[in-house]
Amino acid sequence: MTEIATWLMVAIAFISLVLTVLVPLLVSLFNAHKVTAKELSKHQTHVAETYATKDDVKDLGDRMERSMNQGFDQIKELINNNRNAA
């Protein structure tokens, strides 16, 4: 019976040692995950507040296209006026 009791004590000591290492490790990983999730949330909020949306970029592209068309029309008109004057 003493051999079984000895092995039981060894098993309890081993399990205690493993839990002494694993529990703090798991707690620290869980806390790191929570901190990372908070940082990601803050970053997502910053990006949403700071950077342009798809609609903003589309509006900018449309304005640039209109401005380019007006500029090309003015250049055509200028060239045509110079040809007619000559």
C-alpha atoms as a PDB file:
ATOM      1  CA  MET A   1       0.000   0.000   0.000  1.00  0.00           C
ATOM      2  CA  THR A   2       2.877   2.375   0.599  1.00  0.00           C
ATOM      3  CA  GLU A   3       3.970   2.048  -3.038  1.00  0.00           C
ATOM      4  CA  ILE A   4       0.510   3.160  -4.231  1.00  0.00           C
ATOM      5  CA  ALA A   5       0.529   6.018  -1.741  1.00  0.00           C
ATOM      6  CA  THR A   6       3.986   7.065  -2.938  1.00  0.00           C
ATOM      7  CA  TRP A   7       2.888   7.075  -6.590  1.00  0.00           C
ATOM      8  CA  LEU A   8      -0.247   8.947  -5.616  1.00  0.00           C
ATOM      9  CA  MET A   9       1.858  11.593  -3.890  1.00  0.00           C
ATOM     10  CA  VAL A  10       4.133  11.801  -6.962  1.00  0.00           C
ATOM     11  CA  ALA A  11       1.094  12.247  -9.213  1.00  0.00           C
ATOM     12  CA  ILE A  12      -0.328  14.947  -6.947  1.00  0.00           C
ATOM     13  CA  ALA A  13       3.038  16.738  -6.854  1.00  0.00           C
ATOM     14  CA  PHE A  14       3.352  16.541 -10.653  1.00  0.00           C
ATOM     15  CA  ILE A  15      -0.192  17.827 -11.177  1.00  0.00           C
ATOM     16  CA  SER A  16       0.463  20.650  -8.700  1.00  0.00           C
ATOM     17  CA  LEU A  17       3.653  21.594 -10.541  1.00  0.00           C
ATOM     18  CA  VAL A  18       1.900  21.569 -13.909  1.00  0.00           C
ATOM     19  CA  LEU A  19      -1.012  23.646 -12.583  1.00  0.00           C
ATOM     20  CA  THR A  20       1.422  26.090 -10.982  1.00  0.00           C
ATOM     21  CA  VAL A  21       2.869  26.748 -14.431  1.00  0.00           C
ATOM     22  CA  LEU A  22      -0.223  26.387 -16.601  1.00  0.00           C
ATOM     23  CA  VAL A  23      -2.715  28.492 -14.648  1.00  0.00           C
ATOM     24  CA  PRO A  24      -0.612  31.708 -14.650  1.00  0.00           C
ATOM     25  CA  LEU A  25       0.318  31.089 -18.278  1.00  0.00           C
ATOM     26  CA  LEU A  26      -3.322  30.733 -19.319  1.00  0.00           C
ATOM     27  CA  VAL A  27      -4.315  33.800 -17.280  1.00  0.00           C
ATOM     28  CA  SER A  28      -1.596  35.884 -18.905  1.00  0.00           C
ATOM     29  CA  LEU A  29      -2.616  34.694 -22.384  1.00  0.00           C
ATOM     30  CA  PHE A  30      -6.242  35.548 -21.653  1.00  0.00           C
ATOM     31  CA  ASN A  31      -5.267  39.022 -20.423  1.00  0.00           C
ATOM     32  CA  ALA A  32      -3.051  39.585 -23.468  1.00  0.00           C
ATOM     33  CA  HIS A  33      -5.975  38.606 -25.700  1.00  0.00           C
ATOM     34  CA  LYS A  34      -8.260  41.109 -23.957  1.00  0.00           C
ATOM     35  CA  VAL A  35      -5.661  43.893 -24.291  1.00  0.00           C
ATOM     36  CA  THR A  36      -5.146  43.106 -27.974  1.00  0.00           C
ATOM     37  CA  ALA A  37      -8.901  43.109 -28.594  1.00  0.00           C
ATOM     38  CA  LYS A  38      -9.207  46.542 -26.935  1.00  0.00           C
ATOM     39  CA  GLU A  39      -6.317  47.928 -28.996  1.00  0.00           C
ATOM     40  CA  LEU A  40      -7.856  46.559 -32.186  1.00  0.00           C
ATOM     41  CA  SER A  41     -11.185  48.147 -31.307  1.00  0.00           C
ATOM     42  CA  LYS A  42      -9.511  51.511 -30.726  1.00  0.00           C
ATOM     43  CA  HIS A  43      -7.635  51.201 -34.024  1.00  0.00           C
ATOM     44  CA  GLN A  44     -10.827  50.346 -35.908  1.00  0.00           C
ATOM     45  CA  THR A  45     -12.501  53.421 -34.415  1.00  0.00           C
ATOM     46  CA  HIS A  46      -9.515  55.585 -35.399  1.00  0.00           C
ATOM     47  CA  VAL A  47      -9.585  54.277 -38.968  1.00  0.00           C
ATOM     48  CA  ALA A  48     -13.345  54.832 -39.239  1.00  0.00           C
ATOM     49  CA  GLU A  49     -12.977  58.418 -38.024  1.00  0.00           C
ATOM     50  CA  THR A  50      -9.841  59.337 -39.975  1.00  0.00           C
ATOM     51  CA  TYR A  51      -9.768  57.676 -43.375  1.00  0.00           C
ATOM     52  CA  ALA A  52     -12.051  58.169 -46.354  1.00  0.00           C
ATOM     53  CA  THR A  53     -14.934  55.865 -47.080  1.00  0.00           C
ATOM     54  CA  LYS A  54     -15.648  54.315 -50.471  1.00  0.00           C
ATOM     55  CA  ASP A  55     -18.303  56.977 -51.119  1.00  0.00           C
ATOM     56  CA  ASP A  56     -15.805  59.762 -50.348  1.00  0.00           C
ATOM     57  CA  VAL A  57     -13.291  58.313 -52.799  1.00  0.00           C
ATOM     58  CA  LYS A  58     -15.999  57.870 -55.458  1.00  0.00           C
ATOM     59  CA  ASP A  59     -17.122  61.485 -55.026  1.00  0.00           C
ATOM     60  CA  LEU A  60     -13.523  62.658 -55.315  1.00  0.00           C
ATOM     61  CA  GLY A  61     -13.049  60.620 -58.499  1.00  0.00           C
ATOM     62  CA  ASP A  62     -16.240  62.031 -59.987  1.00  0.00           C
ATOM     63  CA  ARG A  63     -15.159  65.604 -59.209  1.00  0.00           C
ATOM     64  CA  MET A  64     -11.728  64.992 -60.738  1.00  0.00           C
ATOM     65  CA  GLU A  65     -13.318  63.504 -63.853  1.00  0.00           C
ATOM     66  CA  ARG A  66     -15.627  66.520 -64.263  1.00  0.00           C
ATOM     67  CA  SER A  67     -12.713  68.912 -63.793  1.00  0.00           C
ATOM     68  CA  MET A  68     -10.624  67.032 -66.360  1.00  0.00           C
ATOM     69  CA  ASN A  69     -13.496  67.063 -68.863  1.00  0.00           C
ATOM     70  CA  GLN A  70     -13.938  70.815 -68.374  1.00  0.00           C
ATOM     71  CA  GLY A  71     -10.194  71.336 -68.806  1.00  0.00           C
ATOM     72  CA  PHE A  72     -10.115  69.248 -72.001  1.00  0.00           C
ATOM     73  CA  ASP A  73     -13.125  71.133 -73.355  1.00  0.00           C
ATOM     74  CA  GLN A  74     -11.338  74.436 -72.664  1.00  0.00           C
ATOM     75  CA  ILE A  75      -8.199  73.195 -74.435  1.00  0.00           C
ATOM     76  CA  LYS A  76     -10.257  72.057 -77.462  1.00  0.00           C
ATOM     77  CA  GLU A  77     -11.996  75.413 -77.571  1.00  0.00           C
ATOM     78  CA  LEU A  78      -8.673  77.253 -77.351  1.00  0.00           C
ATOM     79  CA  ILE A  79      -7.173  75.136 -80.162  1.00  0.00           C
ATOM     80  CA  ASN A  80     -10.257  75.616 -82.337  1.00  0.00           C
ATOM     81  CA  ASN A  81     -10.220  79.382 -81.739  1.00  0.00           C
ATOM     82  CA  ASN A  82      -6.538  79.550 -82.716  1.00  0.00           C
ATOM     83  CA  ARG A  83      -7.197  77.574 -85.929  1.00  0.00           C
ATOM     84  CA  ASN A  84     -10.127  79.808 -86.867  1.00  0.00           C
ATOM     85  CA  ALA A  85      -8.157  82.939 -86.174  1.00  0.00           C
ATOM     86  CA  ALA A  86      -5.243  81.840 -88.363  1.00  0.00           C
END
